Amino acid sequence: MTPNVTDMLPYAEASRDSGADSITISNTLNGISIDTRTRKSNLGRPSAGLSGAAILPAVLYHIWRVHKAMKDYPIIGCGGIWDADSAIQHILAGATAIQLGTGLFMNPKLPLEVQQGLQDYLASQGEASLDAIRGTYEYC
């Protein structure tokens, strides 16, 4: 689902109600980059998708918002995962699973590091599974 909406919840509900088994949150955010010398796009086109670490806060918000309203609906979290900590944040916000993307360009060993980091985090928290921490983010 695209993060380029104010509230993703109605779209997530429509997906579920139409029979989708799960949803993926999110895709890239719309963005532009301007060459100040030429006043033209640096991208070779008017706009493009922004991905990577910069989109993590927006992705986490959408995951948290949908999970809070639809606790039993599986969410695949993607966007902004560049290390184990950012992957853990997806799970804490409510993701059932995660997807790695742009982070793999920077670090081809990212899947192994995230897997180990998840195991280490669970051990440090005295938890046996990701289900025990899923959606446990508390904002106060």
N, C-alpha and C. Protein backbone atom coordinates (compact mmCIF):
# COMPACT_ATOMS: atom_id res chain seq x y z
N MET A 1 0.84 -1.17 0.00
CA MET A 1 0.00 0.00 0.00
C MET A 1 0.89 1.24 0.00
N THR A 2 0.48 2.20 -0.72
CA THR A 2 1.26 3.43 -0.81
C THR A 2 1.16 4.26 0.47
N PRO A 3 2.27 4.84 0.88
CA PRO A 3 2.23 5.74 2.04
C PRO A 3 1.83 7.16 1.65
N ASN A 4 1.53 7.36 0.39
CA ASN A 4 1.23 8.70 -0.10
C ASN A 4 -0.24 9.06 0.10
N VAL A 5 -0.77 8.74 1.25
CA VAL A 5 -2.13 9.09 1.65
C VAL A 5 -2.07 9.58 3.10
N THR A 6 -3.05 10.36 3.48
CA THR A 6 -3.09 10.86 4.85
C THR A 6 -3.42 9.75 5.82
N ASP A 7 -4.37 8.90 5.46
CA ASP A 7 -4.80 7.82 6.34
C ASP A 7 -4.93 6.53 5.54
N MET A 8 -4.07 5.58 5.80
CA MET A 8 -4.06 4.32 5.09
C MET A 8 -5.16 3.36 5.56
N LEU A 9 -5.70 3.60 6.74
CA LEU A 9 -6.66 2.67 7.33
C LEU A 9 -7.84 2.33 6.42
N PRO A 10 -8.52 3.28 5.80
CA PRO A 10 -9.66 2.91 4.94
C PRO A 10 -9.25 1.98 3.79
N TYR A 11 -8.05 2.16 3.27
CA TYR A 11 -7.57 1.32 2.18
C TYR A 11 -7.22 -0.08 2.69
N ALA A 12 -6.66 -0.15 3.88
CA ALA A 12 -6.36 -1.45 4.47
C ALA A 12 -7.65 -2.21 4.76
N GLU A 13 -8.64 -1.52 5.28
CA GLU A 13 -9.93 -2.17 5.54
C GLU A 13 -10.58 -2.65 4.25
N ALA A 14 -10.50 -1.85 3.20
CA ALA A 14 -11.07 -2.24 1.91
C ALA A 14 -10.33 -3.46 1.35
N SER A 15 -9.03 -3.53 1.54
CA SER A 15 -8.26 -4.69 1.08
C SER A 15 -8.70 -5.95 1.81
N ARG A 16 -8.80 -5.84 3.13
CA ARG A 16 -9.24 -6.98 3.93
C ARG A 16 -10.65 -7.40 3.53
N ASP A 17 -11.55 -6.43 3.43
CA ASP A 17 -12.95 -6.73 3.12
C ASP A 17 -13.13 -7.28 1.71
N SER A 18 -12.16 -7.04 0.84
CA SER A 18 -12.22 -7.57 -0.53
C SER A 18 -11.57 -8.94 -0.63
N GLY A 19 -11.04 -9.45 0.48
CA GLY A 19 -10.51 -10.80 0.49
C GLY A 19 -9.00 -10.94 0.52
N ALA A 20 -8.27 -9.85 0.60
CA ALA A 20 -6.81 -9.95 0.68
C ALA A 20 -6.41 -10.62 1.99
N ASP A 21 -5.48 -11.55 1.93
CA ASP A 21 -5.03 -12.27 3.12
C ASP A 21 -4.15 -11.42 4.03
N SER A 22 -3.50 -10.41 3.45
CA SER A 22 -2.61 -9.53 4.21
C SER A 22 -2.37 -8.28 3.37
N ILE A 23 -1.65 -7.34 3.95
CA ILE A 23 -1.25 -6.15 3.20
C ILE A 23 0.23 -5.88 3.42
N THR A 24 0.82 -5.21 2.47
CA THR A 24 2.19 -4.76 2.59
C THR A 24 2.17 -3.24 2.78
N ILE A 25 2.79 -2.79 3.84
CA ILE A 25 2.95 -1.37 4.12
C ILE A 25 4.46 -1.15 4.19
N SER A 26 5.09 -0.52 3.30
CA SER A 26 4.62 0.49 2.41
C SER A 26 5.38 0.41 1.12
N ASN A 27 5.23 1.39 0.32
CA ASN A 27 5.98 1.55 -0.91
C ASN A 27 6.79 2.83 -0.73
N THR A 28 7.31 3.35 -1.80
CA THR A 28 8.10 4.57 -1.72
C THR A 28 7.22 5.80 -1.53
N LEU A 29 7.81 6.82 -0.97
CA LEU A 29 7.14 8.12 -0.88
C LEU A 29 7.48 8.93 -2.14
N ASN A 30 6.54 9.70 -2.61
CA ASN A 30 6.80 10.55 -3.77
C ASN A 30 7.82 11.62 -3.39
N GLY A 31 8.73 11.90 -4.32
CA GLY A 31 9.72 12.94 -4.05
C GLY A 31 10.29 13.54 -5.32
N ILE A 32 10.90 14.68 -5.17
CA ILE A 32 11.61 15.32 -6.27
C ILE A 32 12.97 15.78 -5.78
N SER A 33 13.87 16.01 -6.73
CA SER A 33 15.19 16.56 -6.43
C SER A 33 15.51 17.57 -7.53
N ILE A 34 15.86 18.78 -7.13
CA ILE A 34 16.03 19.88 -8.09
C ILE A 34 17.50 20.30 -8.16
N ASP A 35 18.01 20.37 -9.37
CA ASP A 35 19.34 20.92 -9.62
C ASP A 35 19.20 22.43 -9.56
N THR A 36 19.80 23.06 -8.57
CA THR A 36 19.62 24.50 -8.37
C THR A 36 20.28 25.33 -9.47
N ARG A 37 21.27 24.77 -10.15
CA ARG A 37 21.91 25.51 -11.25
C ARG A 37 20.99 25.57 -12.47
N THR A 38 20.38 24.44 -12.81
CA THR A 38 19.55 24.39 -14.02
C THR A 38 18.06 24.54 -13.73
N ARG A 39 17.69 24.39 -12.45
CA ARG A 39 16.29 24.42 -12.02
C ARG A 39 15.49 23.28 -12.64
N LYS A 40 16.17 22.20 -12.95
CA LYS A 40 15.53 21.01 -13.52
C LYS A 40 15.74 19.83 -12.58
N SER A 41 15.05 18.77 -12.90
CA SER A 41 15.13 17.56 -12.08
C SER A 41 16.52 16.93 -12.11
N ASN A 42 16.97 16.48 -10.95
CA ASN A 42 18.19 15.68 -10.86
C ASN A 42 17.92 14.22 -11.21
N LEU A 43 16.67 13.89 -11.38
CA LEU A 43 16.27 12.49 -11.50
C LEU A 43 16.09 12.02 -12.94
N GLY A 44 16.12 12.93 -13.89
CA GLY A 44 15.88 12.54 -15.27
C GLY A 44 14.40 12.36 -15.58
N ARG A 45 13.56 12.71 -14.63
CA ARG A 45 12.11 12.68 -14.78
C ARG A 45 11.54 13.62 -13.72
N PRO A 46 10.27 13.96 -13.78
CA PRO A 46 9.74 14.96 -12.84
C PRO A 46 9.81 14.54 -11.37
N SER A 47 9.55 13.27 -11.08
CA SER A 47 9.56 12.81 -9.69
C SER A 47 9.92 11.34 -9.66
N ALA A 48 10.18 10.85 -8.46
CA ALA A 48 10.53 9.44 -8.29
C ALA A 48 10.20 9.03 -6.86
N GLY A 49 10.37 7.75 -6.58
CA GLY A 49 10.08 7.24 -5.25
C GLY A 49 11.26 7.37 -4.32
N LEU A 50 11.00 7.88 -3.14
CA LEU A 50 12.01 7.97 -2.09
C LEU A 50 11.92 6.71 -1.24
N SER A 51 13.04 6.05 -1.05
CA SER A 51 13.06 4.84 -0.22
C SER A 51 14.27 4.89 0.69
N GLY A 52 14.44 3.86 1.48
CA GLY A 52 15.58 3.79 2.39
C GLY A 52 15.27 4.32 3.77
N ALA A 53 16.32 4.56 4.52
CA ALA A 53 16.20 4.94 5.93
C ALA A 53 15.32 6.17 6.15
N ALA A 54 15.30 7.08 5.20
CA ALA A 54 14.56 8.33 5.38
C ALA A 54 13.06 8.12 5.55
N ILE A 55 12.51 7.03 5.05
CA ILE A 55 11.06 6.85 5.12
C ILE A 55 10.60 6.07 6.35
N LEU A 56 11.54 5.60 7.17
CA LEU A 56 11.18 4.77 8.33
C LEU A 56 10.08 5.38 9.21
N PRO A 57 10.18 6.62 9.66
CA PRO A 57 9.13 7.14 10.54
C PRO A 57 7.73 7.12 9.91
N ALA A 58 7.64 7.43 8.63
CA ALA A 58 6.33 7.41 7.96
C ALA A 58 5.79 6.00 7.85
N VAL A 59 6.65 5.05 7.51
CA VAL A 59 6.24 3.65 7.40
C VAL A 59 5.77 3.13 8.75
N LEU A 60 6.54 3.40 9.80
CA LEU A 60 6.17 2.93 11.14
C LEU A 60 4.81 3.49 11.56
N TYR A 61 4.57 4.75 11.24
CA TYR A 61 3.28 5.35 11.58
C TYR A 61 2.14 4.58 10.92
N HIS A 62 2.26 4.31 9.63
CA HIS A 62 1.19 3.61 8.93
C HIS A 62 1.00 2.18 9.45
N ILE A 63 2.10 1.49 9.74
CA ILE A 63 1.98 0.14 10.30
C ILE A 63 1.27 0.20 11.64
N TRP A 64 1.70 1.10 12.51
CA TRP A 64 1.10 1.25 13.83
C TRP A 64 -0.38 1.59 13.73
N ARG A 65 -0.71 2.52 12.86
CA ARG A 65 -2.10 2.98 12.71
C ARG A 65 -3.01 1.84 12.24
N VAL A 66 -2.58 1.08 11.25
CA VAL A 66 -3.38 -0.03 10.74
C VAL A 66 -3.44 -1.16 11.76
N HIS A 67 -2.32 -1.50 12.37
CA HIS A 67 -2.32 -2.59 13.36
C HIS A 67 -3.22 -2.26 14.55
N LYS A 68 -3.18 -1.03 14.99
CA LYS A 68 -4.00 -0.62 16.14
C LYS A 68 -5.49 -0.87 15.87
N ALA A 69 -5.92 -0.65 14.65
CA ALA A 69 -7.33 -0.81 14.29
C ALA A 69 -7.68 -2.22 13.81
N MET A 70 -6.68 -2.97 13.33
CA MET A 70 -6.93 -4.28 12.72
C MET A 70 -5.91 -5.29 13.24
N LYS A 71 -5.94 -5.55 14.53
CA LYS A 71 -4.89 -6.33 15.19
C LYS A 71 -4.65 -7.73 14.61
N ASP A 72 -5.68 -8.36 14.09
CA ASP A 72 -5.53 -9.72 13.59
C ASP A 72 -5.22 -9.79 12.09
N TYR A 73 -5.08 -8.66 11.45
CA TYR A 73 -4.81 -8.63 10.01
C TYR A 73 -3.30 -8.57 9.78
N PRO A 74 -2.74 -9.57 9.08
CA PRO A 74 -1.29 -9.60 8.86
C PRO A 74 -0.79 -8.42 8.03
N ILE A 75 0.29 -7.83 8.52
CA ILE A 75 0.93 -6.70 7.84
C ILE A 75 2.38 -7.08 7.54
N ILE A 76 2.76 -6.90 6.28
CA ILE A 76 4.16 -7.07 5.89
C ILE A 76 4.76 -5.66 5.87
N GLY A 77 5.70 -5.42 6.75
CA GLY A 77 6.31 -4.10 6.85
C GLY A 77 7.54 -4.00 5.98
N CYS A 78 7.59 -2.96 5.18
CA CYS A 78 8.78 -2.72 4.37
C CYS A 78 8.97 -1.22 4.21
N GLY A 79 10.21 -0.84 4.17
CA GLY A 79 10.54 0.56 4.03
C GLY A 79 11.35 1.06 5.21
N GLY A 80 12.56 1.48 4.93
CA GLY A 80 13.41 2.04 5.97
C GLY A 80 14.19 1.03 6.79
N ILE A 81 14.18 -0.22 6.39
CA ILE A 81 14.92 -1.22 7.16
C ILE A 81 16.35 -1.28 6.66
N TRP A 82 17.28 -0.86 7.52
CA TRP A 82 18.70 -0.89 7.16
C TRP A 82 19.54 -1.62 8.19
N ASP A 83 18.91 -2.04 9.31
CA ASP A 83 19.62 -2.81 10.33
C ASP A 83 18.59 -3.54 11.19
N ALA A 84 19.07 -4.30 12.16
CA ALA A 84 18.17 -5.07 13.02
C ALA A 84 17.24 -4.17 13.81
N ASP A 85 17.74 -3.04 14.28
CA ASP A 85 16.92 -2.14 15.09
C ASP A 85 15.71 -1.63 14.30
N SER A 86 15.92 -1.23 13.06
CA SER A 86 14.80 -0.74 12.27
C SER A 86 13.82 -1.87 11.94
N ALA A 87 14.32 -3.09 11.80
CA ALA A 87 13.43 -4.25 11.60
C ALA A 87 12.60 -4.50 12.85
N ILE A 88 13.23 -4.42 14.01
CA ILE A 88 12.53 -4.61 15.28
C ILE A 88 11.45 -3.54 15.44
N GLN A 89 11.74 -2.31 15.05
CA GLN A 89 10.74 -1.25 15.14
C GLN A 89 9.50 -1.59 14.32
N HIS A 90 9.68 -2.20 13.16
CA HIS A 90 8.53 -2.62 12.34
C HIS A 90 7.65 -3.61 13.12
N ILE A 91 8.29 -4.57 13.77
CA ILE A 91 7.55 -5.58 14.53
C ILE A 91 6.85 -4.93 15.72
N LEU A 92 7.55 -4.07 16.44
CA LEU A 92 6.94 -3.39 17.58
C LEU A 92 5.75 -2.54 17.16
N ALA A 93 5.79 -1.97 15.97
CA ALA A 93 4.68 -1.17 15.47
C ALA A 93 3.49 -2.04 15.06
N GLY A 94 3.74 -3.32 14.77
CA GLY A 94 2.64 -4.22 14.45
C GLY A 94 2.83 -5.09 13.22
N ALA A 95 3.98 -5.03 12.57
CA ALA A 95 4.20 -5.86 11.39
C ALA A 95 4.29 -7.33 11.77
N THR A 96 3.70 -8.17 10.94
CA THR A 96 3.75 -9.62 11.12
C THR A 96 5.02 -10.18 10.50
N ALA A 97 5.45 -9.58 9.42
CA ALA A 97 6.67 -9.98 8.71
C ALA A 97 7.31 -8.70 8.16
N ILE A 98 8.54 -8.83 7.72
CA ILE A 98 9.23 -7.67 7.14
C ILE A 98 9.78 -8.03 5.77
N GLN A 99 10.04 -7.02 4.99
CA GLN A 99 10.64 -7.17 3.67
C GLN A 99 11.84 -6.24 3.60
N LEU A 100 12.93 -6.74 3.10
CA LEU A 100 14.13 -5.92 2.94
C LEU A 100 14.22 -5.47 1.49
N GLY A 101 14.65 -4.23 1.29
CA GLY A 101 14.74 -3.70 -0.07
C GLY A 101 16.00 -2.89 -0.25
N THR A 102 15.88 -1.57 -0.17
CA THR A 102 16.99 -0.66 -0.44
C THR A 102 18.21 -0.97 0.44
N GLY A 103 17.98 -1.39 1.67
CA GLY A 103 19.09 -1.70 2.57
C GLY A 103 20.02 -2.77 2.02
N LEU A 104 19.51 -3.64 1.15
CA LEU A 104 20.33 -4.69 0.56
C LEU A 104 21.38 -4.12 -0.40
N PHE A 105 21.09 -2.97 -0.99
CA PHE A 105 22.08 -2.35 -1.87
C PHE A 105 23.30 -1.90 -1.09
N MET A 106 23.08 -1.47 0.13
CA MET A 106 24.18 -1.00 0.97
C MET A 106 24.88 -2.16 1.69
N ASN A 107 24.12 -3.21 1.98
CA ASN A 107 24.66 -4.30 2.79
C ASN A 107 24.03 -5.63 2.37
N PRO A 108 24.70 -6.38 1.49
CA PRO A 108 24.15 -7.66 1.05
C PRO A 108 23.99 -8.70 2.17
N LYS A 109 24.65 -8.47 3.30
CA LYS A 109 24.54 -9.39 4.44
C LYS A 109 23.40 -9.00 5.39
N LEU A 110 22.61 -8.01 4.99
CA LEU A 110 21.55 -7.49 5.84
C LEU A 110 20.60 -8.57 6.34
N PRO A 111 20.14 -9.51 5.51
CA PRO A 111 19.22 -10.53 6.03
C PRO A 111 19.78 -11.32 7.21
N LEU A 112 21.05 -11.70 7.12
CA LEU A 112 21.68 -12.45 8.21
C LEU A 112 21.82 -11.59 9.46
N GLU A 113 22.18 -10.32 9.28
CA GLU A 113 22.34 -9.41 10.42
C GLU A 113 21.00 -9.12 11.09
N VAL A 114 19.95 -8.98 10.29
CA VAL A 114 18.62 -8.75 10.86
C VAL A 114 18.15 -9.98 11.61
N GLN A 115 18.35 -11.15 11.02
CA GLN A 115 17.95 -12.39 11.69
C GLN A 115 18.65 -12.53 13.05
N GLN A 116 19.96 -12.32 13.07
CA GLN A 116 20.70 -12.42 14.33
C GLN A 116 20.26 -11.34 15.31
N GLY A 117 20.05 -10.13 14.80
CA GLY A 117 19.60 -9.04 15.66
C GLY A 117 18.24 -9.30 16.28
N LEU A 118 17.34 -9.89 15.52
CA LEU A 118 16.02 -10.24 16.06
C LEU A 118 16.16 -11.29 17.18
N GLN A 119 16.99 -12.29 16.94
CA GLN A 119 17.22 -13.32 17.96
C GLN A 119 17.84 -12.72 19.22
N ASP A 120 18.82 -11.85 19.03
CA ASP A 120 19.48 -11.21 20.18
C ASP A 120 18.50 -10.33 20.95
N TYR A 121 17.66 -9.61 20.23
CA TYR A 121 16.69 -8.73 20.88
C TYR A 121 15.70 -9.55 21.71
N LEU A 122 15.17 -10.61 21.11
CA LEU A 122 14.22 -11.45 21.85
C LEU A 122 14.87 -12.00 23.12
N ALA A 123 16.10 -12.46 23.01
CA ALA A 123 16.80 -13.00 24.18
C ALA A 123 16.99 -11.91 25.24
N SER A 124 17.36 -10.71 24.82
CA SER A 124 17.59 -9.62 25.78
C SER A 124 16.30 -9.18 26.47
N GLN A 125 15.17 -9.38 25.80
CA GLN A 125 13.88 -9.00 26.35
C GLN A 125 13.20 -10.15 27.09
N GLY A 126 13.82 -11.33 27.08
CA GLY A 126 13.24 -12.49 27.73
C GLY A 126 11.99 -13.00 27.02
N GLU A 127 11.93 -12.80 25.73
CA GLU A 127 10.77 -13.22 24.94
C GLU A 127 11.15 -14.40 24.06
N ALA A 128 10.19 -15.27 23.79
CA ALA A 128 10.45 -16.47 23.02
C ALA A 128 10.15 -16.32 21.53
N SER A 129 9.33 -15.34 21.16
CA SER A 129 8.93 -15.23 19.76
C SER A 129 8.61 -13.79 19.38
N LEU A 130 8.58 -13.55 18.10
CA LEU A 130 8.20 -12.22 17.61
C LEU A 130 6.75 -11.89 17.95
N ASP A 131 5.90 -12.92 18.03
CA ASP A 131 4.50 -12.69 18.40
C ASP A 131 4.39 -11.99 19.76
N ALA A 132 5.34 -12.27 20.65
CA ALA A 132 5.30 -11.69 21.99
C ALA A 132 5.56 -10.19 21.99
N ILE A 133 6.25 -9.69 20.97
CA ILE A 133 6.57 -8.26 20.93
C ILE A 133 5.78 -7.50 19.86
N ARG A 134 5.11 -8.23 18.99
CA ARG A 134 4.39 -7.61 17.87
C ARG A 134 3.33 -6.64 18.38
N GLY A 135 3.40 -5.41 17.88
CA GLY A 135 2.38 -4.41 18.23
C GLY A 135 2.44 -3.91 19.65
N THR A 136 3.58 -4.04 20.30
CA THR A 136 3.67 -3.64 21.71
C THR A 136 4.21 -2.21 21.90
N TYR A 137 4.35 -1.49 20.82
CA TYR A 137 4.78 -0.09 20.91
C TYR A 137 3.81 0.69 21.79
N GLU A 138 4.39 1.43 22.74
CA GLU A 138 3.59 2.31 23.63
C GLU A 138 4.14 3.71 23.47
N TYR A 139 3.30 4.64 23.18
CA TYR A 139 3.75 6.00 22.91
C TYR A 139 3.80 6.87 24.14
N CYS A 140 3.38 6.40 25.28
CA CYS A 140 3.46 7.18 26.52
C CYS A 140 4.04 6.33 27.61
